[in-house]
Protein backbone atom coordinates (compact mmCIF):
# COMPACT_ATOMS: atom_id res chain seq x y z
CA MET A 1 -0.79 21.37 27.08
CA LYS A 2 0.06 24.64 26.64
CA VAL A 3 -0.48 26.33 23.27
CA LEU A 4 0.79 29.58 22.10
CA VAL A 5 -1.44 31.62 20.18
CA ILE A 6 0.34 34.05 17.63
CA ASN A 7 -1.51 36.80 15.88
CA CYS A 8 1.52 38.82 13.43
CA GLY A 9 0.42 42.34 12.31
CA SER A 10 2.43 44.54 9.99
CA SER A 11 4.14 46.18 12.60
CA SER A 12 2.42 44.30 15.95
CA LEU A 13 2.13 41.21 17.34
CA LYS A 14 -0.59 39.81 19.81
CA TYR A 15 -0.12 36.56 21.57
CA GLN A 16 -1.56 34.32 24.34
CA LEU A 17 -0.67 31.36 26.13
CA ILE A 18 -3.37 29.00 27.03
CA ASP A 19 -3.42 26.17 29.24
CA MET A 20 -5.67 23.68 27.48
CA SER A 21 -6.23 21.43 30.14
CA ASN A 22 -8.45 24.07 31.72
CA GLU A 23 -8.68 26.60 28.63
CA ILE A 24 -7.41 29.46 30.85
CA ALA A 25 -4.91 31.88 29.53
CA LEU A 26 -1.80 32.22 31.46
CA ALA A 27 -0.62 35.32 29.79
CA GLN A 28 -1.82 37.54 27.16
CA GLY A 29 0.39 40.19 25.63
CA LEU A 30 1.37 42.95 22.73
CA VAL A 31 4.39 43.77 20.99
CA GLU A 32 3.88 47.27 19.21
CA ARG A 33 5.87 49.32 16.89
CA ILE A 34 8.08 46.20 15.68
CA GLY A 35 10.66 47.97 13.17
CA ILE A 36 9.97 51.39 14.00
CA GLU A 37 11.53 53.44 16.90
CA GLY A 38 9.68 52.67 20.16
CA SER A 39 9.24 49.31 20.21
CA ILE A 40 7.32 47.95 23.29
CA LEU A 41 6.10 44.63 24.70
CA THR A 42 3.40 44.85 27.06
CA GLN A 43 2.03 41.32 29.14
CA LYS A 44 -0.52 41.13 31.54
CA VAL A 45 -1.31 38.00 33.88
CA ASP A 46 -4.24 37.85 35.48
CA GLY A 47 -3.71 39.21 39.44
CA ARG A 48 -0.06 40.91 38.45
CA ASP A 49 0.71 44.40 37.25
CA LYS A 50 1.59 44.78 33.65
CA TYR A 51 5.28 43.33 32.18
CA ILE A 52 6.32 46.22 29.67
CA ILE A 53 9.68 46.11 28.42
CA LYS A 54 10.83 48.98 25.84
CA THR A 55 13.73 47.77 23.45
CA PRO A 56 14.40 48.15 19.77
CA MET A 57 12.38 45.58 17.43
CA ASN A 58 13.92 45.30 14.30
CA ASP A 59 11.94 42.45 12.98
CA HIS A 60 9.58 39.95 13.87
CA LYS A 61 11.82 37.24 14.95
CA ASP A 62 13.31 39.95 17.48
CA ALA A 63 9.60 40.56 18.97
CA ILE A 64 9.17 36.98 18.96
CA GLU A 65 11.98 36.27 20.86
CA LEU A 66 11.05 38.81 23.16
CA VAL A 67 7.75 37.31 23.86
CA LEU A 68 9.33 33.70 24.61
CA LYS A 69 11.80 35.78 27.10
CA ALA A 70 8.96 37.22 28.60
CA LEU A 71 7.19 34.06 29.17
CA VAL A 72 9.97 32.28 30.94
CA ASP A 73 11.20 35.49 32.90
CA GLU A 74 11.94 34.47 36.41
CA LYS A 75 10.13 37.29 37.91
CA ASN A 76 7.36 38.19 35.39
CA GLY A 77 6.85 35.04 33.62
CA VAL A 78 4.52 32.05 33.56
CA ILE A 79 6.44 28.86 32.52
CA LYS A 80 9.67 27.62 33.55
CA SER A 81 11.22 27.02 30.13
CA MET A 82 10.17 26.92 26.20
CA ASP A 83 9.76 23.19 26.88
CA GLU A 84 6.44 23.56 28.53
CA ILE A 85 5.05 25.14 25.05
CA SER A 86 3.73 22.06 23.29
CA SER A 87 2.37 23.69 20.18
CA VAL A 88 2.11 27.16 18.48
CA GLY A 89 -1.12 28.62 16.68
CA HIS A 90 -1.12 30.94 13.94
CA ARG A 91 -3.64 33.31 12.32
CA VAL A 92 -3.50 33.66 9.18
CA VAL A 93 -6.44 36.37 7.92
CA HIS A 94 -6.46 34.13 4.01
CA GLY A 95 -6.33 30.55 3.15
CA GLY A 96 -8.21 30.62 -0.27
CA GLU A 97 -9.79 28.30 -1.51
CA LYS A 98 -7.88 25.33 -1.03
CA TYR A 99 -8.27 25.57 2.76
CA ALA A 100 -11.45 24.93 4.32
CA GLN A 101 -9.86 23.89 7.71
CA SER A 102 -6.83 24.64 9.93
CA VAL A 103 -3.76 22.79 9.13
CA LEU A 104 -0.44 21.47 10.38
CA VAL A 105 2.72 24.27 9.00
CA THR A 106 4.52 22.07 6.27
CA ASP A 107 6.78 23.43 3.74
CA GLU A 108 4.00 22.91 1.34
CA VAL A 109 1.75 24.87 3.35
CA MET A 110 4.03 27.55 3.41
CA LYS A 111 4.19 27.81 -0.19
CA GLU A 112 0.35 27.75 -0.74
CA LEU A 113 0.56 31.03 1.96
CA GLU A 114 2.83 32.66 -0.30
CA GLU A 115 0.35 32.14 -3.20
CA CYS A 116 -2.50 33.44 -1.01
CA ALA A 117 -0.66 36.46 -0.36
CA LYS A 118 -2.10 38.76 -3.51
CA LEU A 119 -5.63 37.98 -1.71
CA ALA A 120 -4.31 39.74 1.75
CA PRO A 121 -1.44 41.86 0.64
CA LEU A 122 -1.94 43.78 3.80
CA HIS A 123 -2.36 40.71 6.43
CA ASN A 124 -0.84 37.43 4.87
CA PRO A 125 3.07 38.63 4.57
CA PRO A 126 3.25 39.45 8.16
CA ASN A 127 1.45 36.35 9.03
CA ILE A 128 3.83 34.53 6.92
CA ILE A 129 6.42 36.35 8.65
CA GLY A 130 5.65 35.51 12.17
CA ILE A 131 5.37 31.60 11.06
CA ASN A 132 9.02 31.73 9.73
CA ALA A 133 10.28 33.50 12.54
CA CYS A 134 8.76 31.04 14.96
CA LYS A 135 10.08 28.24 13.01
CA GLU A 136 13.39 29.67 13.38
CA LEU A 137 12.90 30.07 16.83
CA MET A 138 11.00 26.53 17.81
CA PRO A 139 12.10 24.56 15.22
CA ASN A 140 10.92 21.12 17.05
CA THR A 141 7.61 22.59 18.20
CA PRO A 142 4.72 22.16 16.01
CA MET A 143 2.68 24.65 14.51
CA THR A 144 -0.50 25.11 12.50
CA VAL A 145 -2.15 27.80 10.76
CA VAL A 146 -5.98 28.84 11.34
CA PHE A 147 -7.28 30.73 8.56
CA ASP A 148 -10.26 33.41 9.24
CA THR A 149 -11.63 32.17 5.94
CA ALA A 150 -12.04 28.66 6.46
CA PHE A 151 -15.32 28.28 8.22
CA HIS A 152 -16.52 30.22 5.37
CA GLN A 153 -15.67 27.53 2.80
CA THR A 154 -18.88 25.81 3.19
CA MET A 155 -20.85 28.25 1.39
CA PRO A 156 -22.57 26.86 -1.41
CA GLN A 157 -21.76 28.48 -4.86
CA GLU A 158 -24.76 30.60 -5.72
CA ALA A 159 -23.89 32.04 -2.25
CA TYR A 160 -20.31 32.64 -2.65
CA MET A 161 -19.95 33.48 -6.61
CA TYR A 162 -20.18 36.92 -8.19
CA ALA A 163 -22.21 37.34 -11.76
CA ILE A 164 -19.00 37.92 -13.47
CA PRO A 165 -17.65 36.39 -16.32
CA TYR A 166 -16.68 32.74 -14.91
CA GLU A 167 -13.20 32.86 -16.66
CA VAL A 168 -12.45 35.82 -14.03
CA TYR A 169 -13.30 34.01 -11.39
CA GLU A 170 -11.34 30.48 -12.61
CA ASN A 171 -8.43 32.68 -13.18
CA HIS A 172 -8.17 35.16 -10.66
CA GLY A 173 -10.36 33.93 -7.81
CA ILE A 174 -12.58 36.58 -7.47
CA ARG A 175 -15.61 35.47 -5.11
CA LYS A 176 -16.96 36.30 -1.89
CA TYR A 177 -14.09 34.42 0.98
CA GLY A 178 -15.46 36.03 4.05
CA PHE A 179 -13.63 36.98 7.62
CA HIS A 180 -14.06 36.63 11.14
CA GLY A 181 -14.51 32.91 10.31
CA THR A 182 -12.68 31.72 13.79
CA SER A 183 -15.09 34.17 15.85
CA HIS A 184 -18.03 33.11 13.99
CA LYS A 185 -17.35 29.60 14.77
CA TYR A 186 -16.51 29.83 18.16
CA VAL A 187 -19.60 31.78 19.14
CA SER A 188 -21.82 29.60 17.20
CA SER A 189 -20.80 26.94 18.96
CA VAL A 190 -21.38 28.40 22.40
CA ALA A 191 -24.91 29.44 21.89
CA ALA A 192 -25.45 25.96 20.85
CA ASP A 193 -24.03 24.63 24.30
CA GLU A 194 -25.98 27.46 25.86
CA MET A 195 -29.45 26.23 24.07
CA GLY A 196 -28.44 22.50 25.41
CA LYS A 197 -28.72 21.70 21.73
CA ASP A 198 -26.55 20.38 19.11
CA ILE A 199 -25.47 22.64 16.52
CA LYS A 200 -25.57 20.46 13.79
CA ASP A 201 -29.86 20.99 14.46
CA LEU A 202 -29.62 24.74 14.13
CA LYS A 203 -29.99 27.61 12.52
CA ILE A 204 -27.94 30.64 14.03
CA ILE A 205 -26.93 33.88 12.68
CA THR A 206 -23.84 35.40 14.14
CA CYS A 207 -23.10 39.05 14.30
CA HIS A 208 -19.51 40.03 14.96
CA LEU A 209 -19.67 43.81 15.77
CA GLY A 210 -16.78 45.87 15.87
CA ASN A 211 -14.62 48.18 13.88
CA GLY A 212 -14.61 45.82 11.35
CA ALA A 213 -18.09 44.04 11.04
CA SER A 214 -19.92 40.72 9.78
CA VAL A 215 -22.91 38.28 10.16
CA ALA A 216 -22.92 34.84 9.15
CA ALA A 217 -25.88 32.18 8.65
CA VAL A 218 -24.53 28.92 10.06
CA LYS A 219 -27.08 26.21 9.43
CA ASN A 220 -26.54 22.56 11.19
CA GLY A 221 -22.99 23.93 12.16
CA GLN A 222 -21.74 24.92 8.54
CA CYS A 223 -21.52 28.35 7.44
CA VAL A 224 -23.96 28.77 4.69
CA ASP A 225 -23.52 32.83 3.59
CA THR A 226 -21.48 35.78 4.82
CA SER A 227 -21.37 39.40 4.27
CA MET A 228 -17.74 39.83 3.72
CA GLY A 229 -16.71 39.47 0.70
CA PHE A 230 -13.52 39.18 -1.71
CA THR A 231 -12.13 41.70 0.72
CA PRO A 232 -13.62 42.59 4.16
CA LEU A 233 -14.80 45.75 2.56
CA GLU A 234 -18.42 44.11 1.76
CA GLY A 235 -21.47 43.72 3.38
CA LEU A 236 -22.38 45.87 6.50
CA VAL A 237 -21.42 49.93 7.21
CA MET A 238 -18.27 49.50 9.22
CA GLY A 239 -15.95 52.02 11.52
CA THR A 240 -14.01 53.09 8.18
CA ARG A 241 -15.07 50.87 5.59
CA CYS A 242 -18.02 51.62 3.22
CA GLY A 243 -19.56 48.14 2.80
CA ASN A 244 -21.89 47.68 0.02
CA ILE A 245 -21.64 50.01 -2.49
CA ASP A 246 -22.45 50.11 -6.37
CA ALA A 247 -19.45 48.94 -8.30
CA ALA A 248 -19.99 51.67 -10.89
CA ALA A 249 -19.96 54.26 -8.20
CA VAL A 250 -15.98 53.12 -8.13
CA THR A 251 -15.46 53.72 -11.67
CA PHE A 252 -17.55 57.01 -11.45
CA LEU A 253 -14.67 58.28 -8.80
CA MET A 254 -12.34 57.73 -10.90
CA THR A 255 -13.84 59.18 -13.79
CA GLU A 256 -15.25 62.35 -12.57
CA LEU A 257 -12.82 63.24 -9.57
CA LYS A 258 -9.75 61.84 -11.69
CA MET A 259 -8.94 59.50 -8.21
CA SER A 260 -6.45 56.44 -8.82
CA ALA A 261 -7.50 52.95 -7.76
CA GLU A 262 -5.12 53.55 -4.91
CA GLU A 263 -7.09 56.81 -3.54
CA VAL A 264 -10.61 55.32 -4.23
CA ASN A 265 -8.99 52.57 -1.97
CA THR A 266 -8.03 54.75 0.84
CA LEU A 267 -11.20 56.27 0.56
CA LEU A 268 -13.83 53.38 0.77
CA ASN A 269 -11.67 51.22 3.16
CA LYS A 270 -10.11 53.93 5.24
CA LYS A 271 -12.27 57.47 5.00
CA SER A 272 -15.84 56.31 4.92
CA GLY A 273 -18.05 53.91 6.91
CA VAL A 274 -19.53 55.61 10.28
CA LEU A 275 -16.46 58.03 10.18
CA GLY A 276 -17.22 59.41 6.81
CA VAL A 277 -20.95 59.59 7.07
CA SER A 278 -20.55 60.93 10.75
CA GLY A 279 -17.54 63.01 10.30
CA VAL A 280 -17.17 62.61 13.88
CA SER A 281 -14.96 59.35 14.52
CA SER A 282 -14.73 55.77 13.15
CA ASP A 283 -15.63 54.64 17.34
CA PHE A 284 -19.29 54.09 18.23
CA ARG A 285 -19.04 55.46 21.42
CA ASP A 286 -18.04 59.22 19.87
CA ILE A 287 -20.73 58.94 17.55
CA GLU A 288 -23.39 58.03 20.14
CA ASP A 289 -22.24 60.57 22.55
CA ALA A 290 -22.33 63.12 19.51
CA SER A 291 -26.21 61.55 18.49
CA SER A 292 -26.86 61.95 21.90
CA LYS A 293 -26.31 65.99 21.83
CA GLY A 294 -28.18 66.32 18.37
CA ASN A 295 -25.51 65.55 15.42
CA GLU A 296 -27.82 64.68 12.85
CA ARG A 297 -25.04 62.90 11.02
CA ALA A 298 -23.99 60.82 13.60
CA LYS A 299 -27.53 59.75 14.68
CA LEU A 300 -27.85 58.74 10.42
CA ALA A 301 -24.48 56.88 10.39
CA LEU A 302 -26.01 54.64 14.02
CA ASN A 303 -29.12 54.02 12.06
CA MET A 304 -27.69 53.11 8.41
CA PHE A 305 -25.13 50.55 10.76
CA ASP A 306 -28.02 49.14 12.65
CA TYR A 307 -30.30 49.11 9.52
CA ARG A 308 -27.60 46.93 7.69
CA VAL A 309 -27.44 44.39 10.39
CA ARG A 310 -31.12 43.94 10.64
CA GLN A 311 -31.37 43.70 6.62
CA TYR A 312 -28.65 40.82 6.83
CA ILE A 313 -30.36 39.19 9.52
CA GLY A 314 -33.85 39.03 7.78
CA SER A 315 -31.88 37.72 4.73
CA TYR A 316 -30.17 35.13 6.32
CA ALA A 317 -33.52 33.92 8.09
CA ALA A 318 -34.75 33.93 4.42
CA SER A 319 -31.59 32.04 3.06
CA MET A 320 -31.44 29.39 5.76
CA GLY A 321 -35.57 28.77 5.82
CA GLY A 322 -35.70 30.13 9.42
CA VAL A 323 -33.51 30.83 12.78
CA ASP A 324 -33.50 29.34 15.96
CA CYS A 325 -30.61 31.88 17.55
CA VAL A 326 -29.21 35.26 17.05
CA VAL A 327 -25.79 35.92 18.60
CA PHE A 328 -24.05 39.47 19.03
CA THR A 329 -20.27 39.21 19.72
CA ALA A 330 -17.05 41.49 19.06
CA GLY A 331 -16.54 44.89 20.59
CA LEU A 332 -19.84 46.70 19.88
CA GLY A 333 -22.05 43.15 19.87
CA GLU A 334 -20.97 42.14 23.38
CA ASN A 335 -21.02 46.08 24.79
CA ALA A 336 -23.60 48.30 23.15
CA ILE A 337 -27.04 47.42 24.64
CA GLU A 338 -28.88 50.19 22.88
CA THR A 339 -27.32 48.96 19.40
CA ARG A 340 -28.65 45.07 19.82
CA GLU A 341 -32.16 46.32 21.00
CA THR A 342 -32.30 49.03 17.96
CA ILE A 343 -31.17 46.22 15.75
CA CYS A 344 -33.54 43.79 16.80
CA LYS A 345 -36.92 46.40 16.87
CA GLY A 346 -38.91 45.40 13.87
CA LEU A 347 -37.87 41.61 13.72
CA GLU A 348 -40.89 40.30 16.20
CA PHE A 349 -42.03 39.10 12.62
CA LEU A 350 -39.26 36.40 13.08
CA GLY A 351 -39.74 35.80 16.31
CA ILE A 352 -37.13 37.35 17.66
CA GLU A 353 -37.92 39.68 20.76
CA ILE A 354 -34.94 41.26 23.43
CA ASP A 355 -35.96 41.55 27.27
CA LYS A 356 -34.80 45.32 28.01
CA GLU A 357 -33.60 43.56 31.57
CA LYS A 358 -31.87 40.44 30.15
CA ASN A 359 -30.07 43.11 27.63
CA ASN A 360 -28.69 45.24 30.01
CA VAL A 361 -25.00 43.19 30.11
CA ARG A 362 -21.65 44.29 28.77
CA GLY A 363 -19.00 41.49 28.25
CA LYS A 364 -20.74 38.24 29.22
CA VAL A 365 -22.26 34.96 27.85
CA ARG A 366 -26.14 35.86 28.72
CA GLU A 367 -29.20 34.84 26.53
CA ILE A 368 -31.10 38.93 26.12
CA SER A 369 -34.25 37.36 24.72
CA LYS A 370 -37.72 37.22 26.29
CA ASP A 371 -38.93 34.34 27.90
CA GLY A 372 -40.73 32.26 25.36
CA SER A 373 -39.17 34.24 22.86
CA LYS A 374 -39.36 31.70 19.62
CA VAL A 375 -36.10 32.97 18.32
CA LYS A 376 -33.22 32.62 21.16
CA VAL A 377 -30.87 35.83 21.05
CA PHE A 378 -27.37 35.71 22.79
CA VAL A 379 -24.57 37.85 23.60
CA VAL A 380 -21.20 35.70 23.45
CA PRO A 381 -17.68 37.52 23.68
CA THR A 382 -15.69 36.16 20.92
CA ASN A 383 -12.41 34.31 21.57
CA GLU A 384 -10.87 33.53 18.45
CA GLU A 385 -7.30 32.94 20.52
CA LEU A 386 -9.05 29.96 22.23
CA MET A 387 -10.87 28.53 19.06
CA ILE A 388 -7.09 28.62 17.36
CA ALA A 389 -5.89 26.65 20.41
CA ARG A 390 -8.69 23.91 20.18
CA ASP A 391 -8.06 23.77 16.32
CA THR A 392 -4.27 23.35 17.12
CA VAL A 393 -4.69 20.88 19.77
CA VAL A 394 -7.05 18.66 17.60
CA LEU A 395 -4.18 18.73 15.06
CA VAL A 396 -1.05 18.15 17.00
CA LYS A 397 -2.65 15.28 18.73
């Protein structure tokens, strides 16, 4: 069974074709500049040179059509015909309160996705466009929707509610939703397997650390809290997002600096985080380099990031009544050796102890805690595409 995983952005599209008999990606690719001059598709297959196609693509239908042609290309493809694609799994950012799990694509589901678009106006619309394009090109192929928010829908009410008038929640859906759910679900299950234990018997804290970053508390296999909120802005300090901030700061900026709502939104989402504090970059590698050369603002940005992650780990250990395992994943979590070590410093009272030698690893599944450490600590490379494919297989079968 071969599953095509599609992740549509506003002007881009990521894809993987995964053979689910062995869970190996046969091909993976990226389409960029859809609807913009200079449209390009880049496909990677292990053991081969990159396959690059530069051709105008007016919309996502053109892009997906090109993806399918690349996959069946006689010289550069990996399948002989589209009939080998048994199903398509689509990543969708927001499923609102209705969807606590992945679902098959139906007319009713598509209608619900349109209604959820107001909760994720930058992400859901291109996701929907991608699904409709696939339906048109592959009308007889079953398709699924896998939501970033779904894994977090098991949070108890006291965790996801904001202390605002209840009718505002009822009428407008303002509450914590959480994101990166597919990643948190995947890495927590891998960690449980590595420990040789049933995830239903574990308390796991997963740290998805990248340019966008979030932490989740996973108790007995279910999410009970997560750091991102109504939008991905809440929680940790991130590449360009401020994370937690006093809500009154927003009205202060609007009143004192005469900023519009759109200007404040841009400031907090695209000009803040470690970029705003350091003044160097949103790329942690650049900030680490600047910090090593004595840049005090770069050091402050890194310290703020590490502190906030450490704070959430302690908070979620308290929420769950303990912790058995901490997992680091995503670009920074998988590769930043010193960041992992710094975050865990001061958490020895919880039983978290890092082994320096074991921690010298990038992008591989490995336990990095000391022998005998009460709490196990793992590096687990995330694989959201595989998680989407797994859910798709279950639903289609």
